[in-house]
C-alpha atoms as a PDB file:
ATOM      1  CA  MET A   1      -3.626  39.069  28.459  1.00  0.00           C
ATOM      2  CA  THR A   2      -5.169  42.165  27.082  1.00  0.00           C
ATOM      3  CA  THR A   3      -5.103  43.216  23.354  1.00  0.00           C
ATOM      4  CA  ASN A   4      -5.360  46.703  22.190  1.00  0.00           C
ATOM      5  CA  ARG A   5      -7.218  47.752  18.971  1.00  0.00           C
ATOM      6  CA  PHE A   6      -4.043  47.790  17.092  1.00  0.00           C
ATOM      7  CA  THR A   7      -3.118  44.335  18.012  1.00  0.00           C
ATOM      8  CA  ALA A   8      -6.815  43.194  17.328  1.00  0.00           C
ATOM      9  CA  ARG A   9      -6.673  44.743  13.852  1.00  0.00           C
ATOM     10  CA  LEU A  10      -3.333  43.080  13.180  1.00  0.00           C
ATOM     11  CA  SER A  11      -4.530  39.658  14.110  1.00  0.00           C
ATOM     12  CA  ASP A  12      -7.656  40.218  11.849  1.00  0.00           C
ATOM     13  CA  SER A  13      -5.503  41.265   9.080  1.00  0.00           C
ATOM     14  CA  ASP A  14      -3.212  38.152   9.561  1.00  0.00           C
ATOM     15  CA  ASP A  15      -6.330  35.899   9.577  1.00  0.00           C
ATOM     16  CA  TYR A  16      -7.662  37.624   6.338  1.00  0.00           C
ATOM     17  CA  GLN A  17      -4.255  37.084   4.524  1.00  0.00           C
ATOM     18  CA  ARG A  18      -4.243  33.543   5.690  1.00  0.00           C
ATOM     19  CA  GLU A  19      -7.689  32.931   4.286  1.00  0.00           C
ATOM     20  CA  LEU A  20      -6.832  34.637   0.942  1.00  0.00           C
ATOM     21  CA  LEU A  21      -3.780  32.455   0.673  1.00  0.00           C
ATOM     22  CA  ILE A  22      -5.698  29.282   1.503  1.00  0.00           C
ATOM     23  CA  ARG A  23      -8.289  30.186  -1.269  1.00  0.00           C
ATOM     24  CA  LYS A  24      -5.577  30.933  -3.813  1.00  0.00           C
ATOM     25  CA  ILE A  25      -3.831  27.545  -2.815  1.00  0.00           C
ATOM     26  CA  GLU A  26      -7.008  25.585  -3.076  1.00  0.00           C
ATOM     27  CA  HIS A  27      -7.807  27.097  -6.480  1.00  0.00           C
ATOM     28  CA  ALA A  28      -4.291  26.215  -7.798  1.00  0.00           C
ATOM     29  CA  VAL A  29      -4.532  22.635  -6.404  1.00  0.00           C
ATOM     30  CA  GLU A  30      -7.768  22.051  -8.099  1.00  0.00           C
ATOM     31  CA  GLN A  31      -6.187  22.865 -11.516  1.00  0.00           C
ATOM     32  CA  LEU A  32      -3.366  20.277 -11.049  1.00  0.00           C
ATOM     33  CA  LYS A  33      -3.104  16.950 -12.957  1.00  0.00           C
ATOM     34  CA  LEU A  34      -3.052  13.602 -11.011  1.00  0.00           C
ATOM     35  CA  SER A  35       0.640  13.385 -11.488  1.00  0.00           C
ATOM     36  CA  GLU A  36       1.286  16.909 -10.117  1.00  0.00           C
ATOM     37  CA  LEU A  37      -1.043  16.229  -7.162  1.00  0.00           C
ATOM     38  CA  GLU A  38       1.120  13.149  -6.444  1.00  0.00           C
ATOM     39  CA  ALA A  39       4.399  14.998  -6.733  1.00  0.00           C
ATOM     40  CA  LEU A  40       2.998  17.689  -4.450  1.00  0.00           C
ATOM     41  CA  SER A  41       1.821  15.222  -2.030  1.00  0.00           C
ATOM     42  CA  TYR A  42       5.088  13.442  -1.852  1.00  0.00           C
ATOM     43  CA  ASP A  43       6.906  16.696  -1.346  1.00  0.00           C
ATOM     44  CA  MET A  44       4.749  17.828   1.367  1.00  0.00           C
ATOM     45  CA  PHE A  45       4.853  14.463   3.141  1.00  0.00           C
ATOM     46  CA  THR A  46       8.631  14.318   3.087  1.00  0.00           C
ATOM     47  CA  LYS A  47       8.738  17.922   4.544  1.00  0.00           C
ATOM     48  CA  GLY A  48       6.402  16.919   7.327  1.00  0.00           C
ATOM     49  CA  TYR A  49       3.420  18.990   6.175  1.00  0.00           C
ATOM     50  CA  MET A  50       1.355  15.863   5.780  1.00  0.00           C
ATOM     51  CA  LYS A  51       0.958  12.535   7.520  1.00  0.00           C
ATOM     52  CA  GLU A  52       0.290   9.213   5.942  1.00  0.00           C
ATOM     53  CA  GLY A  53      -3.312   8.331   5.422  1.00  0.00           C
END
């Protein structure tokens, strides 16, 4: 499969946006209290984003 320069830039842009979002989410999670983390964890688990463990 070949990629042209536009597709490569789009992919790079998507990767960059993904990294930015991850950093923002990490920062927000670091600020949560234990009870908030537990609620978030439960919500993510019930939606299938996390597995037991």
